[in-house]
Amino acid sequence: VTEEPSNNSFARALAGKIQEDCFKYLDAPVMTI
């Protein structure tokens, strides 16, 4: 969750890092708002 527009944001980059490191543990895509 961020207050910034999510496109090209710190939050979206963090979501990508989480997806990369936790992929095999995930039950859904990492989402941002």
Full PDB file with SEQRES, HELIX, SHEET, SSBOND, CRYST1, ORIGX, SCALE, CONECT and MASTER records, all heavy atoms in Angstrom:
SEQRES   1 A   33  VAL THR GLU GLU PRO SER ASN ASN SER PHE ALA ARG ALA          
SEQRES   2 A   33  LEU ALA GLY LYS ILE GLN GLU ASP CYS PHE LYS TYR LEU          
SEQRES   3 A   33  ASP ALA PRO VAL MET THR ILE                                  
HELIX    1 AA1 PHE A   10  CYS A   22  1                                  13    
HELIX    2 AA2 PHE A   23  TYR A   25  5                                   3    
CRYST1    1.000    1.000    1.000  90.00  90.00  90.00 P 1           1          
ORIGX1      1.000000  0.000000  0.000000        0.00000                         
ORIGX2      0.000000  1.000000  0.000000        0.00000                         
ORIGX3      0.000000  0.000000  1.000000        0.00000                         
SCALE1      1.000000  0.000000  0.000000        0.00000                         
SCALE2      0.000000  1.000000  0.000000        0.00000                         
SCALE3      0.000000  0.000000  1.000000        0.00000                         
ATOM      1  N   VAL A   1       0.844  -1.194   0.000  1.00  0.00           N  
ATOM      2  CA  VAL A   1       0.000   0.000   0.000  1.00  0.00           C  
ATOM      3  C   VAL A   1       0.882   1.248   0.000  1.00  0.00           C  
ATOM      4  O   VAL A   1       1.784   1.387   0.832  1.00  0.00           O  
ATOM      5  CB  VAL A   1      -0.926   0.027   1.234  1.00  0.00           C  
ATOM      6  CG1 VAL A   1      -1.767   1.301   1.233  1.00  0.00           C  
ATOM      7  CG2 VAL A   1      -1.821  -1.208   1.263  1.00  0.00           C  
ATOM      8  N   THR A   2       0.603   2.159  -0.923  1.00  0.00           N  
ATOM      9  CA  THR A   2       1.341   3.416  -1.025  1.00  0.00           C  
ATOM     10  C   THR A   2       0.378   4.545  -1.356  1.00  0.00           C  
ATOM     11  O   THR A   2      -0.744   4.298  -1.830  1.00  0.00           O  
ATOM     12  CB  THR A   2       2.424   3.322  -2.115  1.00  0.00           C  
ATOM     13  OG1 THR A   2       3.137   4.559  -2.187  1.00  0.00           O  
ATOM     14  CG2 THR A   2       1.820   3.047  -3.483  1.00  0.00           C  
ATOM     15  N   GLU A   3       0.793   5.769  -1.099  1.00  0.00           N  
ATOM     16  CA  GLU A   3       0.000   6.920  -1.525  1.00  0.00           C  
ATOM     17  C   GLU A   3       0.420   7.392  -2.907  1.00  0.00           C  
ATOM     18  O   GLU A   3      -0.299   8.141  -3.557  1.00  0.00           O  
ATOM     19  CB  GLU A   3       0.130   8.066  -0.518  1.00  0.00           C  
ATOM     20  CG  GLU A   3      -0.821   9.213  -0.794  1.00  0.00           C  
ATOM     21  CD  GLU A   3      -0.808  10.281   0.287  1.00  0.00           C  
ATOM     22  OE1 GLU A   3      -0.854   9.914   1.470  1.00  0.00           O  
ATOM     23  OE2 GLU A   3      -0.764  11.479  -0.051  1.00  0.00           O  
ATOM     24  N   GLU A   4       1.576   7.010  -3.358  1.00  0.00           N  
ATOM     25  CA  GLU A   4       2.039   7.390  -4.698  1.00  0.00           C  
ATOM     26  C   GLU A   4       1.207   6.697  -5.774  1.00  0.00           C  
ATOM     27  O   GLU A   4       0.702   5.593  -5.553  1.00  0.00           O  
ATOM     28  CB  GLU A   4       3.495   6.970  -4.901  1.00  0.00           C  
ATOM     29  CG  GLU A   4       4.515   7.855  -4.279  1.00  0.00           C  
ATOM     30  CD  GLU A   4       5.903   7.526  -4.797  1.00  0.00           C  
ATOM     31  OE1 GLU A   4       6.348   6.385  -4.631  1.00  0.00           O  
ATOM     32  OE2 GLU A   4       6.538   8.418  -5.373  1.00  0.00           O  
ATOM     33  N   PRO A   5       1.107   7.275  -6.955  1.00  0.00           N  
ATOM     34  CA  PRO A   5       0.630   6.487  -8.093  1.00  0.00           C  
ATOM     35  C   PRO A   5       1.510   5.253  -8.239  1.00  0.00           C  
ATOM     36  O   PRO A   5       2.735   5.336  -8.142  1.00  0.00           O  
ATOM     37  CB  PRO A   5       0.771   7.445  -9.276  1.00  0.00           C  
ATOM     38  CG  PRO A   5       0.678   8.811  -8.655  1.00  0.00           C  
ATOM     39  CD  PRO A   5       1.346   8.677  -7.317  1.00  0.00           C  
ATOM     40  N   SER A   6       0.896   4.110  -8.441  1.00  0.00           N  
ATOM     41  CA  SER A   6       1.645   2.855  -8.322  1.00  0.00           C  
ATOM     42  C   SER A   6       2.527   2.539  -9.527  1.00  0.00           C  
ATOM     43  O   SER A   6       3.520   1.816  -9.390  1.00  0.00           O  
ATOM     44  CB  SER A   6       0.689   1.690  -8.059  1.00  0.00           C  
ATOM     45  OG  SER A   6      -0.271   1.600  -9.098  1.00  0.00           O  
ATOM     46  N   ASN A   7       2.192   3.067 -10.699  1.00  0.00           N  
ATOM     47  CA  ASN A   7       3.022   2.763 -11.868  1.00  0.00           C  
ATOM     48  C   ASN A   7       4.451   3.262 -11.669  1.00  0.00           C  
ATOM     49  O   ASN A   7       4.665   4.410 -11.283  1.00  0.00           O  
ATOM     50  CB  ASN A   7       2.436   3.404 -13.133  1.00  0.00           C  
ATOM     51  CG  ASN A   7       1.272   2.607 -13.681  1.00  0.00           C  
ATOM     52  OD1 ASN A   7       0.844   1.614 -13.087  1.00  0.00           O  
ATOM     53  ND2 ASN A   7       0.735   3.039 -14.818  1.00  0.00           N  
ATOM     54  N   ASN A   8       5.426   2.409 -11.931  1.00  0.00           N  
ATOM     55  CA  ASN A   8       6.852   2.760 -11.858  1.00  0.00           C  
ATOM     56  C   ASN A   8       7.259   3.277 -10.478  1.00  0.00           C  
ATOM     57  O   ASN A   8       8.162   4.103 -10.362  1.00  0.00           O  
ATOM     58  CB  ASN A   8       7.208   3.820 -12.914  1.00  0.00           C  
ATOM     59  CG  ASN A   8       6.789   3.399 -14.303  1.00  0.00           C  
ATOM     60  OD1 ASN A   8       7.085   2.300 -14.738  1.00  0.00           O  
ATOM     61  ND2 ASN A   8       6.075   4.275 -14.993  1.00  0.00           N  
ATOM     62  N   SER A   9       6.643   2.790  -9.442  1.00  0.00           N  
ATOM     63  CA  SER A   9       6.844   3.329  -8.105  1.00  0.00           C  
ATOM     64  C   SER A   9       7.745   2.450  -7.250  1.00  0.00           C  
ATOM     65  O   SER A   9       8.032   1.288  -7.581  1.00  0.00           O  
ATOM     66  CB  SER A   9       5.496   3.478  -7.401  1.00  0.00           C  
ATOM     67  OG  SER A   9       4.915   2.195  -7.174  1.00  0.00           O  
ATOM     68  N   PHE A  10       8.162   3.009  -6.103  1.00  0.00           N  
ATOM     69  CA  PHE A  10       8.873   2.234  -5.086  1.00  0.00           C  
ATOM     70  C   PHE A  10       8.044   1.019  -4.676  1.00  0.00           C  
ATOM     71  O   PHE A  10       8.566  -0.093  -4.535  1.00  0.00           O  
ATOM     72  CB  PHE A  10       9.144   3.131  -3.874  1.00  0.00           C  
ATOM     73  CG  PHE A  10       9.562   2.394  -2.642  1.00  0.00           C  
ATOM     74  CD1 PHE A  10      10.882   1.982  -2.464  1.00  0.00           C  
ATOM     75  CD2 PHE A  10       8.640   2.110  -1.641  1.00  0.00           C  
ATOM     76  CE1 PHE A  10      11.265   1.294  -1.321  1.00  0.00           C  
ATOM     77  CE2 PHE A  10       9.022   1.430  -0.498  1.00  0.00           C  
ATOM     78  CZ  PHE A  10      10.340   1.016  -0.339  1.00  0.00           C  
ATOM     79  N   ALA A  11       6.736   1.224  -4.500  1.00  0.00           N  
ATOM     80  CA  ALA A  11       5.863   0.128  -4.067  1.00  0.00           C  
ATOM     81  C   ALA A  11       5.819  -0.992  -5.098  1.00  0.00           C  
ATOM     82  O   ALA A  11       5.867  -2.184  -4.755  1.00  0.00           O  
ATOM     83  CB  ALA A  11       4.456   0.659  -3.804  1.00  0.00           C  
ATOM     84  N   ARG A  12       5.731  -0.624  -6.366  1.00  0.00           N  
ATOM     85  CA  ARG A  12       5.678  -1.649  -7.416  1.00  0.00           C  
ATOM     86  C   ARG A  12       7.013  -2.396  -7.507  1.00  0.00           C  
ATOM     87  O   ARG A  12       7.031  -3.615  -7.726  1.00  0.00           O  
ATOM     88  CB  ARG A  12       5.326  -0.976  -8.743  1.00  0.00           C  
ATOM     89  CG  ARG A  12       5.067  -1.910  -9.913  1.00  0.00           C  
ATOM     90  CD  ARG A  12       3.897  -2.852  -9.710  1.00  0.00           C  
ATOM     91  NE  ARG A  12       2.605  -2.249  -9.475  1.00  0.00           N  
ATOM     92  CZ  ARG A  12       1.800  -1.754 -10.414  1.00  0.00           C  
ATOM     93  NH1 ARG A  12       2.181  -1.729 -11.678  1.00  0.00           N  
ATOM     94  NH2 ARG A  12       0.618  -1.271 -10.091  1.00  0.00           N  
ATOM     95  N   ALA A  13       8.109  -1.682  -7.305  1.00  0.00           N  
ATOM     96  CA  ALA A  13       9.413  -2.346  -7.305  1.00  0.00           C  
ATOM     97  C   ALA A  13       9.528  -3.307  -6.123  1.00  0.00           C  
ATOM     98  O   ALA A  13      10.068  -4.419  -6.250  1.00  0.00           O  
ATOM     99  CB  ALA A  13      10.530  -1.306  -7.251  1.00  0.00           C  
ATOM    100  N   LEU A  14       9.036  -2.884  -4.962  1.00  0.00           N  
ATOM    101  CA  LEU A  14       9.062  -3.761  -3.788  1.00  0.00           C  
ATOM    102  C   LEU A  14       8.183  -4.984  -4.018  1.00  0.00           C  
ATOM    103  O   LEU A  14       8.555  -6.109  -3.653  1.00  0.00           O  
ATOM    104  CB  LEU A  14       8.595  -2.984  -2.554  1.00  0.00           C  
ATOM    105  CG  LEU A  14       8.514  -3.766  -1.245  1.00  0.00           C  
ATOM    106  CD1 LEU A  14       9.852  -4.410  -0.901  1.00  0.00           C  
ATOM    107  CD2 LEU A  14       8.043  -2.864  -0.111  1.00  0.00           C  
ATOM    108  N   ALA A  15       7.027  -4.780  -4.631  1.00  0.00           N  
ATOM    109  CA  ALA A  15       6.151  -5.914  -4.942  1.00  0.00           C  
ATOM    110  C   ALA A  15       6.857  -6.910  -5.853  1.00  0.00           C  
ATOM    111  O   ALA A  15       6.747  -8.134  -5.673  1.00  0.00           O  
ATOM    112  CB  ALA A  15       4.862  -5.409  -5.599  1.00  0.00           C  
ATOM    113  N   GLY A  16       7.606  -6.400  -6.826  1.00  0.00           N  
ATOM    114  CA  GLY A  16       8.363  -7.283  -7.709  1.00  0.00           C  
ATOM    115  C   GLY A  16       9.427  -8.059  -6.967  1.00  0.00           C  
ATOM    116  O   GLY A  16       9.655  -9.251  -7.231  1.00  0.00           O  
ATOM    117  N   LYS A  17      10.098  -7.405  -6.025  1.00  0.00           N  
ATOM    118  CA  LYS A  17      11.115  -8.076  -5.222  1.00  0.00           C  
ATOM    119  C   LYS A  17      10.497  -9.163  -4.349  1.00  0.00           C  
ATOM    120  O   LYS A  17      11.048 -10.260  -4.204  1.00  0.00           O  
ATOM    121  CB  LYS A  17      11.827  -7.031  -4.353  1.00  0.00           C  
ATOM    122  CG  LYS A  17      12.859  -7.587  -3.391  1.00  0.00           C  
ATOM    123  CD  LYS A  17      14.047  -8.195  -4.103  1.00  0.00           C  
ATOM    124  CE  LYS A  17      15.130  -8.589  -3.108  1.00  0.00           C  
ATOM    125  NZ  LYS A  17      16.229  -9.350  -3.752  1.00  0.00           N  
ATOM    126  N   ILE A  18       9.331  -8.874  -3.768  1.00  0.00           N  
ATOM    127  CA  ILE A  18       8.633  -9.880  -2.957  1.00  0.00           C  
ATOM    128  C   ILE A  18       8.235 -11.069  -3.817  1.00  0.00           C  
ATOM    129  O   ILE A  18       8.414 -12.233  -3.430  1.00  0.00           O  
ATOM    130  CB  ILE A  18       7.397  -9.241  -2.277  1.00  0.00           C  
ATOM    131  CG1 ILE A  18       7.838  -8.176  -1.268  1.00  0.00           C  
ATOM    132  CG2 ILE A  18       6.542 -10.303  -1.615  1.00  0.00           C  
ATOM    133  CD1 ILE A  18       6.702  -7.297  -0.770  1.00  0.00           C  
ATOM    134  N   GLN A  19       7.703 -10.787  -4.998  1.00  0.00           N  
ATOM    135  CA  GLN A  19       7.306 -11.863  -5.913  1.00  0.00           C  
ATOM    136  C   GLN A  19       8.514 -12.725  -6.280  1.00  0.00           C  
ATOM    137  O   GLN A  19       8.431 -13.956  -6.323  1.00  0.00           O  
ATOM    138  CB  GLN A  19       6.690 -11.248  -7.172  1.00  0.00           C  
ATOM    139  CG  GLN A  19       6.060 -12.259  -8.111  1.00  0.00           C  
ATOM    140  CD  GLN A  19       4.548 -12.098  -8.172  1.00  0.00           C  
ATOM    141  OE1 GLN A  19       3.928 -11.761  -7.172  1.00  0.00           O  
ATOM    142  NE2 GLN A  19       3.970 -12.329  -9.322  1.00  0.00           N  
ATOM    143  N   GLU A  20       9.637 -12.087  -6.498  1.00  0.00           N  
ATOM    144  CA  GLU A  20      10.861 -12.795  -6.883  1.00  0.00           C  
ATOM    145  C   GLU A  20      11.358 -13.699  -5.760  1.00  0.00           C  
ATOM    146  O   GLU A  20      11.730 -14.851  -5.989  1.00  0.00           O  
ATOM    147  CB  GLU A  20      11.918 -11.754  -7.244  1.00  0.00           C  
ATOM    148  CG  GLU A  20      13.214 -12.295  -7.783  1.00  0.00           C  
ATOM    149  CD  GLU A  20      14.180 -11.177  -8.136  1.00  0.00           C  
ATOM    150  OE1 GLU A  20      13.748 -10.227  -8.810  1.00  0.00           O  
ATOM    151  OE2 GLU A  20      15.351 -11.254  -7.727  1.00  0.00           O  
ATOM    152  N   ASP A  21      11.362 -13.177  -4.531  1.00  0.00           N  
ATOM    153  CA  ASP A  21      11.933 -13.924  -3.406  1.00  0.00           C  
ATOM    154  C   ASP A  21      10.966 -14.930  -2.795  1.00  0.00           C  
ATOM    155  O   ASP A  21      11.403 -15.906  -2.165  1.00  0.00           O  
ATOM    156  CB  ASP A  21      12.386 -12.950  -2.307  1.00  0.00           C  
ATOM    157  CG  ASP A  21      13.653 -12.206  -2.670  1.00  0.00           C  
ATOM    158  OD1 ASP A  21      14.080 -12.296  -3.835  1.00  0.00           O  
ATOM    159  OD2 ASP A  21      14.212 -11.519  -1.794  1.00  0.00           O  
ATOM    160  N   CYS A  22       9.657 -14.695  -2.948  1.00  0.00           N  
ATOM    161  CA  CYS A  22       8.671 -15.521  -2.241  1.00  0.00           C  
ATOM    162  C   CYS A  22       7.778 -16.314  -3.187  1.00  0.00           C  
ATOM    163  O   CYS A  22       6.734 -16.837  -2.757  1.00  0.00           O  
ATOM    164  CB  CYS A  22       7.801 -14.630  -1.354  1.00  0.00           C  
ATOM    165  SG  CYS A  22       8.713 -13.674  -0.126  1.00  0.00           S  
ATOM    166  N   PHE A  23       8.153 -16.438  -4.432  1.00  0.00           N  
ATOM    167  CA  PHE A  23       7.261 -16.992  -5.449  1.00  0.00           C  
ATOM    168  C   PHE A  23       6.672 -18.346  -5.057  1.00  0.00           C  
ATOM    169  O   PHE A  23       5.468 -18.579  -5.141  1.00  0.00           O  
ATOM    170  CB  PHE A  23       7.998 -17.104  -6.781  1.00  0.00           C  
ATOM    171  CG  PHE A  23       7.148 -17.629  -7.906  1.00  0.00           C  
ATOM    172  CD1 PHE A  23       6.198 -16.820  -8.503  1.00  0.00           C  
ATOM    173  CD2 PHE A  23       7.282 -18.933  -8.359  1.00  0.00           C  
ATOM    174  CE1 PHE A  23       5.401 -17.293  -9.534  1.00  0.00           C  
ATOM    175  CE2 PHE A  23       6.485 -19.422  -9.376  1.00  0.00           C  
ATOM    176  CZ  PHE A  23       5.547 -18.599  -9.974  1.00  0.00           C  
ATOM    177  N   LYS A  24       7.505 -19.249  -4.568  1.00  0.00           N  
ATOM    178  CA  LYS A  24       7.027 -20.607  -4.287  1.00  0.00           C  
ATOM    179  C   LYS A  24       6.153 -20.680  -3.034  1.00  0.00           C  
ATOM    180  O   LYS A  24       5.529 -21.705  -2.766  1.00  0.00           O  
ATOM    181  CB  LYS A  24       8.188 -21.581  -4.183  1.00  0.00           C  
ATOM    182  CG  LYS A  24       9.145 -21.341  -3.042  1.00  0.00           C  
ATOM    183  CD  LYS A  24      10.292 -22.349  -3.099  1.00  0.00           C  
ATOM    184  CE  LYS A  24      11.288 -22.128  -1.957  1.00  0.00           C  
ATOM    185  NZ  LYS A  24      12.413 -23.102  -2.034  1.00  0.00           N  
ATOM    186  N   TYR A  25       6.098 -19.583  -2.275  1.00  0.00           N  
ATOM    187  CA  TYR A  25       5.256 -19.548  -1.072  1.00  0.00           C  
ATOM    188  C   TYR A  25       3.922 -18.852  -1.324  1.00  0.00           C  
ATOM    189  O   TYR A  25       3.055 -18.848  -0.444  1.00  0.00           O  
ATOM    190  CB  TYR A  25       5.980 -18.804   0.057  1.00  0.00           C  
ATOM    191  CG  TYR A  25       7.288 -19.427   0.465  1.00  0.00           C  
ATOM    192  CD1 TYR A  25       8.477 -19.041  -0.130  1.00  0.00           C  
ATOM    193  CD2 TYR A  25       7.344 -20.413   1.454  1.00  0.00           C  
ATOM    194  CE1 TYR A  25       9.687 -19.607   0.244  1.00  0.00           C  
ATOM    195  CE2 TYR A  25       8.554 -20.987   1.836  1.00  0.00           C  
ATOM    196  CZ  TYR A  25       9.721 -20.575   1.222  1.00  0.00           C  
ATOM    197  OH  TYR A  25      10.920 -21.142   1.597  1.00  0.00           O  
ATOM    198  N   LEU A  26       3.764 -18.239  -2.495  1.00  0.00           N  
ATOM    199  CA  LEU A  26       2.609 -17.386  -2.747  1.00  0.00           C  
ATOM    200  C   LEU A  26       1.382 -18.171  -3.190  1.00  0.00           C  
ATOM    201  O   LEU A  26       1.481 -19.140  -3.964  1.00  0.00           O  
ATOM    202  CB  LEU A  26       2.948 -16.342  -3.808  1.00  0.00           C  
ATOM    203  CG  LEU A  26       3.979 -15.275  -3.416  1.00  0.00           C  
ATOM    204  CD1 LEU A  26       4.338 -14.419  -4.626  1.00  0.00           C  
ATOM    205  CD2 LEU A  26       3.454 -14.399  -2.285  1.00  0.00           C  
ATOM    206  N   ASP A  27       0.215 -17.728  -2.702  1.00  0.00           N  
ATOM    207  CA  ASP A  27      -1.065 -18.287  -3.131  1.00  0.00           C  
ATOM    208  C   ASP A  27      -1.817 -17.326  -4.042  1.00  0.00           C  
ATOM    209  O   ASP A  27      -2.938 -17.627  -4.466  1.00  0.00           O  
ATOM    210  CB  ASP A  27      -1.939 -18.582  -1.901  1.00  0.00           C  
ATOM    211  CG  ASP A  27      -1.306 -19.610  -0.974  1.00  0.00           C  
ATOM    212  OD1 ASP A  27      -0.691 -20.564  -1.480  1.00  0.00           O  
ATOM    213  OD2 ASP A  27      -1.403 -19.437   0.258  1.00  0.00           O  
ATOM    214  N   ALA A  28      -1.218 -16.169  -4.322  1.00  0.00           N  
ATOM    215  CA  ALA A  28      -1.834 -15.167  -5.205  1.00  0.00           C  
ATOM    216  C   ALA A  28      -0.734 -14.218  -5.653  1.00  0.00           C  
ATOM    217  O   ALA A  28       0.334 -14.143  -5.029  1.00  0.00           O  
ATOM    218  CB  ALA A  28      -2.922 -14.408  -4.458  1.00  0.00           C  
ATOM    219  N   PRO A  29      -0.975 -13.476  -6.740  1.00  0.00           N  
ATOM    220  CA  PRO A  29       0.026 -12.477  -7.137  1.00  0.00           C  
ATOM    221  C   PRO A  29       0.192 -11.417  -6.048  1.00  0.00           C  
ATOM    222  O   PRO A  29      -0.769 -11.092  -5.340  1.00  0.00           O  
ATOM    223  CB  PRO A  29      -0.575 -11.857  -8.403  1.00  0.00           C  
ATOM    224  CG  PRO A  29      -1.658 -12.776  -8.830  1.00  0.00           C  
ATOM    225  CD  PRO A  29      -2.154 -13.474  -7.619  1.00  0.00           C  
ATOM    226  N   VAL A  30       1.386 -10.873  -5.939  1.00  0.00           N  
ATOM    227  CA  VAL A  30       1.594  -9.729  -5.053  1.00  0.00           C  
ATOM    228  C   VAL A  30       0.916  -8.520  -5.704  1.00  0.00           C  
ATOM    229  O   VAL A  30       1.166  -8.218  -6.871  1.00  0.00           O  
ATOM    230  CB  VAL A  30       3.090  -9.453  -4.833  1.00  0.00           C  
ATOM    231  CG1 VAL A  30       3.276  -8.218  -3.953  1.00  0.00           C  
ATOM    232  CG2 VAL A  30       3.762 -10.665  -4.196  1.00  0.00           C  
ATOM    233  N   MET A  31       0.076  -7.845  -4.957  1.00  0.00           N  
ATOM    234  CA  MET A  31      -0.684  -6.730  -5.510  1.00  0.00           C  
ATOM    235  C   MET A  31      -0.258  -5.414  -4.857  1.00  0.00           C  
ATOM    236  O   MET A  31       0.300  -5.395  -3.766  1.00  0.00           O  
ATOM    237  CB  MET A  31      -2.182  -6.943  -5.311  1.00  0.00           C  
ATOM    238  CG  MET A  31      -2.737  -8.138  -6.072  1.00  0.00           C  
ATOM    239  SD  MET A  31      -4.550  -8.226  -5.945  1.00  0.00           S  
ATOM    240  CE  MET A  31      -4.870  -9.709  -6.931  1.00  0.00           C  
ATOM    241  N   THR A  32      -0.557  -4.317  -5.541  1.00  0.00           N  
ATOM    242  CA  THR A  32      -0.296  -2.983  -4.998  1.00  0.00           C  
ATOM    243  C   THR A  32      -1.562  -2.152  -5.098  1.00  0.00           C  
ATOM    244  O   THR A  32      -2.431  -2.397  -5.946  1.00  0.00           O  
ATOM    245  CB  THR A  32       0.827  -2.253  -5.758  1.00  0.00           C  
ATOM    246  OG1 THR A  32       0.441  -2.106  -7.131  1.00  0.00           O  
ATOM    247  CG2 THR A  32       2.138  -3.002  -5.671  1.00  0.00           C  
ATOM    248  N   ILE A  33      -1.647  -1.161  -4.225  1.00  0.00           N  
ATOM    249  CA  ILE A  33      -2.677  -0.138  -4.358  1.00  0.00           C  
ATOM    250  C   ILE A  33      -2.029   1.199  -4.047  1.00  0.00           C  
ATOM    251  O   ILE A  33      -1.262   1.329  -3.087  1.00  0.00           O  
ATOM    252  CB  ILE A  33      -3.888  -0.383  -3.431  1.00  0.00           C  
ATOM    253  CG1 ILE A  33      -4.929   0.721  -3.637  1.00  0.00           C  
ATOM    254  CG2 ILE A  33      -3.466  -0.493  -1.974  1.00  0.00           C  
ATOM    255  CD1 ILE A  33      -6.253   0.460  -2.925  1.00  0.00           C  
TER     256      ILE A  33                                                      
MASTER        0    0    0    2    0    0    0    6  255    1    0    3          
END                                                                             
